[in-house]
């Protein structure tokens, strides 16, 4: 396998970005650790996601910021200056807004392609912040199966208007942002086919949603081509490997899977029955047969 690691930022520890050596392409390209992971807030399910307004189902709280905005505004530009990719966990609209504020300041007059900052999860966004991803060049690293798990309680927690900004993948894409699709394993299952299915249908595995068979907020569905790109080329870009990974092309490293069905053509309800017949890394089978 290939591992793209992120080093945890501990606010109470000494800053290490100017002392620690980055690991890029070690083990014949199998291990890279050139990124820092910062946690801005908690989770929506637990009520820890930091919101601008109180939770609809618990008006006594707006969630929790796990790091002060002043610290974000100090360490984000410092890590970027020292050549580290910055990845920030942000779930609530307030957390996402504050992180985007810090990125906006840090990225002034910077080459964003050389830095490739990421917001991890980017679950609840204001309309204004949806546009900022594309404007700033910040990558939205999202997990579609979170949407299909949270859809059953989300409106009760956030209210009928605010919930429209939750997992609004289509809106973020339409504002010109780059989206990468992941699983957040072990919080969710690791199967990428489940994420692909959730992204294009916004339905449970049983084909249901609070909004009926067309999916939860069906206007936010991604196309199959967008979902595939979000699992291949865009993650390669997000990990600085688009020249060698993310697609099958001359000169690239020949990482690919062989599936039992064409997920770009079959009926959506058949996608989850797809089996992996083979996995190939660097042109050599590591699972199954070709």
Protein backbone atom coordinates (compact mmCIF):
# COMPACT_ATOMS: atom_id res chain seq x y z
CA UNK A 1 0.00 0.00 0.00
CA UNK A 2 0.90 3.67 -0.14
CA UNK A 3 0.69 5.78 3.02
CA UNK A 4 0.29 9.56 3.08
CA UNK A 5 0.85 10.46 6.72
CA UNK A 6 0.05 13.61 8.68
CA UNK A 7 1.84 14.62 11.87
CA UNK A 8 -0.47 15.73 14.68
CA UNK A 9 -0.16 19.32 15.91
CA UNK A 10 -0.22 19.61 19.70
CA UNK A 11 -0.95 23.15 20.80
CA UNK A 12 0.77 22.61 24.16
CA UNK A 13 4.00 21.26 22.63
CA UNK A 14 6.85 23.21 21.08
CA UNK A 15 6.54 24.16 17.42
CA UNK A 16 8.40 21.59 15.34
CA UNK A 17 7.83 22.66 11.73
CA UNK A 18 11.28 24.20 11.37
CA UNK A 19 13.08 21.22 12.95
CA UNK A 20 11.42 18.03 11.74
CA UNK A 21 12.46 16.53 8.43
CA UNK A 22 9.78 15.80 5.86
CA UNK A 23 9.50 12.29 4.46
CA UNK A 24 8.69 12.28 0.74
CA UNK A 25 8.43 9.15 -1.36
CA UNK A 26 10.33 6.85 1.01
CA UNK A 27 10.36 3.11 0.36
CA UNK A 28 10.10 3.44 -3.42
CA UNK A 29 7.28 5.94 -3.14
CA UNK A 30 5.27 4.00 -0.56
CA UNK A 31 5.54 6.41 2.41
CA UNK A 32 5.20 10.20 2.56
CA UNK A 33 4.83 12.40 5.64
CA UNK A 34 4.98 16.05 4.64
CA UNK A 35 1.77 17.29 6.26
CA UNK A 36 0.51 18.53 9.60
CA UNK A 37 -2.95 17.74 11.00
CA UNK A 38 -4.63 20.39 13.16
CA UNK A 39 -7.97 19.87 14.94
CA UNK A 40 -10.22 22.93 15.01
CA UNK A 41 -13.38 21.48 16.60
CA UNK A 42 -15.23 18.30 17.52
CA UNK A 43 -17.93 16.21 15.83
CA UNK A 44 -21.51 16.97 14.86
CA UNK A 45 -22.97 13.78 16.34
CA UNK A 46 -21.49 14.51 19.77
CA UNK A 47 -22.44 18.19 19.70
CA UNK A 48 -18.79 19.24 19.62
CA UNK A 49 -18.77 20.81 16.13
CA UNK A 50 -18.32 24.58 16.52
CA UNK A 51 -21.34 26.50 15.18
CA UNK A 52 -22.09 30.20 14.71
CA UNK A 53 -25.51 29.75 16.31
CA UNK A 54 -26.68 27.33 19.03
CA UNK A 55 -27.66 23.77 18.20
CA UNK A 56 -31.36 23.56 17.38
CA UNK A 57 -31.82 20.49 19.58
CA UNK A 58 -29.65 21.92 22.39
CA UNK A 59 -29.79 25.74 22.49
CA UNK A 60 -27.41 25.86 25.47
CA UNK A 61 -24.35 25.19 23.31
CA UNK A 62 -22.66 26.22 20.06
CA UNK A 63 -20.11 23.40 20.23
CA UNK A 64 -16.42 23.67 21.01
CA UNK A 65 -13.37 25.10 19.28
CA UNK A 66 -10.45 22.88 20.19
CA UNK A 67 -7.95 25.58 19.25
CA UNK A 68 -8.06 29.36 19.51
CA UNK A 69 -8.39 31.40 16.33
CA UNK A 70 -5.25 33.31 17.35
CA UNK A 71 -3.29 30.06 17.37
CA UNK A 72 -4.64 29.11 13.94
CA UNK A 73 -3.58 32.50 12.61
CA UNK A 74 -0.09 31.96 14.03
CA UNK A 75 0.73 28.33 13.25
CA UNK A 76 -0.91 27.94 9.82
CA UNK A 77 1.29 30.54 8.07
CA UNK A 78 4.30 29.28 10.00
CA UNK A 79 3.84 25.68 8.85
CA UNK A 80 3.19 26.81 5.29
CA UNK A 81 6.33 28.96 5.33
CA UNK A 82 8.34 25.97 6.52
CA UNK A 83 7.05 23.89 3.61
CA UNK A 84 4.44 21.73 5.32
CA UNK A 85 1.05 21.02 3.84
CA UNK A 86 -1.57 22.12 6.38
CA UNK A 87 -4.65 19.95 6.94
CA UNK A 88 -7.28 21.15 9.41
CA UNK A 89 -10.16 19.11 10.82
CA UNK A 90 -13.20 21.41 10.77
CA UNK A 91 -16.84 20.29 10.92
CA UNK A 92 -19.05 23.12 12.18
CA UNK A 93 -19.69 26.30 10.19
CA UNK A 94 -17.86 28.45 12.74
CA UNK A 95 -14.80 26.18 12.71
CA UNK A 96 -14.73 26.12 8.91
CA UNK A 97 -15.12 29.88 8.73
CA UNK A 98 -12.29 30.56 11.17
CA UNK A 99 -9.95 28.13 9.41
CA UNK A 100 -10.75 29.68 6.03
CA UNK A 101 -10.03 33.10 7.55
CA UNK A 102 -6.61 31.86 8.63
CA UNK A 103 -5.93 30.30 5.23
CA UNK A 104 -7.01 33.47 3.44
CA UNK A 105 -4.52 35.54 5.40
CA UNK A 106 -1.72 32.99 5.10
CA UNK A 107 -2.18 32.48 1.36
CA UNK A 108 -1.96 36.14 0.34
CA UNK A 109 0.64 36.42 -2.43
CA UNK A 110 1.45 32.70 -2.01
CA UNK A 111 1.65 29.94 -4.62
CA UNK A 112 -1.30 27.84 -3.48
CA UNK A 113 -0.36 25.00 -5.86
CA UNK A 114 2.91 24.62 -3.98
CA UNK A 115 1.09 24.54 -0.62
CA UNK A 116 -2.23 22.71 -1.29
CA UNK A 117 -3.94 23.37 2.07
CA UNK A 118 -6.81 21.07 2.98
CA UNK A 119 -9.90 21.29 5.13
CA UNK A 120 -10.68 17.84 6.47
CA UNK A 121 -14.44 17.08 6.60
CA UNK A 122 -15.72 20.60 5.79
CA UNK A 123 -19.18 19.37 6.75
CA UNK A 124 -21.28 22.44 7.56
CA UNK A 125 -20.60 25.58 5.54
CA UNK A 126 -22.16 29.00 5.19
CA UNK A 127 -23.04 30.10 1.66
CA UNK A 128 -20.16 32.57 1.76
CA UNK A 129 -17.64 29.92 2.78
CA UNK A 130 -18.73 27.51 0.04
CA UNK A 131 -17.37 30.01 -2.45
CA UNK A 132 -14.12 30.58 -0.58
CA UNK A 133 -12.78 27.08 -1.22
CA UNK A 134 -12.57 27.70 -4.94
CA UNK A 135 -11.45 31.30 -4.53
CA UNK A 136 -8.59 30.37 -2.20
CA UNK A 137 -7.61 27.05 -3.74
CA UNK A 138 -8.28 25.18 -0.48
CA UNK A 139 -9.01 21.48 -0.99
CA UNK A 140 -12.23 20.12 0.55
CA UNK A 141 -11.48 16.61 1.85
CA UNK A 142 -14.90 15.08 2.48
CA UNK A 143 -16.46 11.71 3.32
CA UNK A 144 -19.75 10.90 1.55
CA UNK A 145 -20.76 8.09 3.92
CA UNK A 146 -20.79 10.61 6.77
CA UNK A 147 -23.60 12.36 4.89
CA UNK A 148 -25.71 9.23 4.53
CA UNK A 149 -25.18 8.34 8.20
CA UNK A 150 -25.91 11.83 9.54
CA UNK A 151 -28.90 12.57 7.30
CA UNK A 152 -31.31 10.85 9.69
CA UNK A 153 -30.75 13.26 12.59
CA UNK A 154 -29.17 16.31 10.92
CA UNK A 155 -32.28 18.48 10.51
CA UNK A 156 -33.32 17.99 14.11
CA UNK A 157 -29.84 19.02 15.22
CA UNK A 158 -29.39 22.02 12.90
CA UNK A 159 -32.87 23.13 11.83
CA UNK A 160 -34.45 23.17 8.34
CA UNK A 161 -32.43 26.09 6.92
CA UNK A 162 -28.97 25.58 8.36
CA UNK A 163 -28.99 21.88 7.43
CA UNK A 164 -28.95 22.87 3.74
CA UNK A 165 -25.27 23.78 4.16
CA UNK A 166 -24.37 20.31 5.47
CA UNK A 167 -22.46 18.05 3.07
CA UNK A 168 -23.26 20.45 0.21
CA UNK A 169 -20.84 18.78 -2.20
CA UNK A 170 -22.49 20.09 -5.38
CA UNK A 171 -22.43 23.68 -4.13
CA UNK A 172 -18.73 23.47 -3.24
CA UNK A 173 -17.90 21.96 -6.64
CA UNK A 174 -19.95 24.55 -8.49
CA UNK A 175 -17.88 27.28 -6.84
CA UNK A 176 -14.76 25.85 -8.46
CA UNK A 177 -13.31 23.89 -5.56
CA UNK A 178 -11.38 20.66 -5.71
CA UNK A 179 -12.98 17.85 -3.66
CA UNK A 180 -11.32 14.65 -2.50
CA UNK A 181 -13.48 11.75 -1.30
CA UNK A 182 -12.38 9.54 1.58
CA UNK A 183 -13.85 7.23 4.20
CA UNK A 184 -12.63 8.55 7.59
CA UNK A 185 -11.95 4.93 8.51
CA UNK A 186 -12.27 3.61 11.23
CA UNK A 187 -15.11 6.05 12.02
CA UNK A 188 -16.80 4.81 8.83
CA UNK A 189 -16.26 1.66 6.80
CA UNK A 190 -13.19 1.58 4.58
CA UNK A 191 -14.94 0.41 1.37
CA UNK A 192 -14.47 3.10 -1.32
CA UNK A 193 -17.42 1.73 -3.30
CA UNK A 194 -19.69 2.74 -0.41
CA UNK A 195 -18.33 6.28 -0.65
CA UNK A 196 -18.79 6.35 -4.42
CA UNK A 197 -22.40 5.16 -4.05
CA UNK A 198 -23.16 7.69 -1.30
CA UNK A 199 -21.69 10.57 -3.31
CA UNK A 200 -23.81 9.93 -6.41
CA UNK A 201 -27.06 8.82 -4.72
CA UNK A 202 -27.15 10.35 -1.20
CA UNK A 203 -29.06 7.23 -0.19
CA UNK A 204 -28.54 4.59 2.47
CA UNK A 205 -27.35 1.15 1.42
CA UNK A 206 -31.02 0.15 1.47
CA UNK A 207 -31.89 2.90 -1.02
CA UNK A 208 -33.66 5.18 1.47
CA UNK A 209 -33.28 8.75 2.71
CA UNK A 210 -35.30 11.30 4.71
CA UNK A 211 -36.16 12.96 1.39
CA UNK A 212 -37.21 9.83 -0.48
CA UNK A 213 -35.71 7.63 -3.22
CA UNK A 214 -34.01 10.51 -5.09
CA UNK A 215 -31.67 11.03 -2.15
CA UNK A 216 -31.14 13.40 0.74
CA UNK A 217 -30.94 16.90 -0.78
CA UNK A 218 -30.64 15.33 -4.24
CA UNK A 219 -29.49 18.63 -5.75
CA UNK A 220 -26.19 18.06 -3.92
CA UNK A 221 -25.42 14.74 -5.62
CA UNK A 222 -22.16 14.39 -7.52
CA UNK A 223 -21.93 12.87 -10.98
CA UNK A 224 -20.14 9.56 -11.40
CA UNK A 225 -17.30 11.28 -13.23
CA UNK A 226 -16.90 13.80 -10.39
CA UNK A 227 -16.95 11.05 -7.77
CA UNK A 228 -14.37 9.01 -9.67
CA UNK A 229 -12.11 12.06 -10.02
CA UNK A 230 -12.62 12.72 -6.31
CA UNK A 231 -11.19 9.28 -5.57
CA UNK A 232 -8.34 9.30 -8.09
CA UNK A 233 -6.91 12.43 -9.69
CA UNK A 234 -7.91 14.91 -7.00
CA UNK A 235 -6.51 12.87 -4.08
CA UNK A 236 -3.32 12.49 -6.10
CA UNK A 237 -3.18 16.29 -6.43
CA UNK A 238 -3.95 16.65 -2.72
CA UNK A 239 -0.94 14.45 -1.93
CA UNK A 240 1.41 16.09 -4.50
CA UNK A 241 1.53 12.91 -6.62
CA UNK A 242 -0.62 13.78 -9.65
CA UNK A 243 2.37 13.34 -11.96
CA UNK A 244 2.73 9.66 -11.02
CA UNK A 245 -0.62 8.58 -9.54
CA UNK A 246 -4.35 9.20 -9.96
CA UNK A 247 -4.82 7.95 -13.52
CA UNK A 248 -3.57 5.29 -15.91
CA UNK A 249 -1.18 6.99 -18.31
CA UNK A 250 2.29 6.46 -19.79
CA UNK A 251 4.95 7.23 -17.20
CA UNK A 252 2.68 6.83 -14.18
CA UNK A 253 3.07 4.11 -11.55
CA UNK A 254 0.26 1.74 -12.63
CA UNK A 255 -1.76 1.62 -9.41
CA UNK A 256 -5.28 0.40 -10.19
CA UNK A 257 -8.06 -2.01 -9.28
CA UNK A 258 -10.06 -4.40 -11.42
CA UNK A 259 -13.76 -4.48 -10.52
CA UNK A 260 -16.42 -7.06 -11.26
CA UNK A 261 -18.77 -4.44 -12.76
CA UNK A 262 -18.54 -1.12 -14.57
CA UNK A 263 -19.56 1.28 -11.81
CA UNK A 264 -19.74 4.11 -14.34
CA UNK A 265 -22.58 2.41 -16.22
CA UNK A 266 -24.54 -0.03 -14.03
CA UNK A 267 -27.69 0.94 -12.12
CA UNK A 268 -26.77 2.74 -8.88
CA UNK A 269 -28.43 0.11 -6.72
CA UNK A 270 -26.00 -2.50 -8.09
CA UNK A 271 -22.83 -0.60 -7.17
CA UNK A 272 -22.56 -1.97 -3.63
CA UNK A 273 -22.56 -5.53 -4.98
CA UNK A 274 -19.38 -4.83 -6.94
CA UNK A 275 -16.38 -6.97 -6.01
CA UNK A 276 -12.69 -6.16 -6.28
CA UNK A 277 -11.13 -8.80 -8.52
CA UNK A 278 -7.58 -7.50 -8.37
CA UNK A 279 -5.44 -4.71 -6.92
CA UNK A 280 -2.26 -3.66 -8.69
CA UNK A 281 0.51 -1.45 -7.29
CA UNK A 282 3.45 -0.38 -9.44
CA UNK A 283 2.19 -2.73 -12.13
CA UNK A 284 2.36 -5.81 -9.87
CA UNK A 285 -0.74 -7.60 -8.52
CA UNK A 286 -0.94 -7.50 -4.71
CA UNK A 287 -4.44 -8.97 -4.51
CA UNK A 288 -6.36 -11.30 -6.81
CA UNK A 289 -5.50 -12.01 -10.41
CA UNK A 290 -5.51 -10.01 -13.63
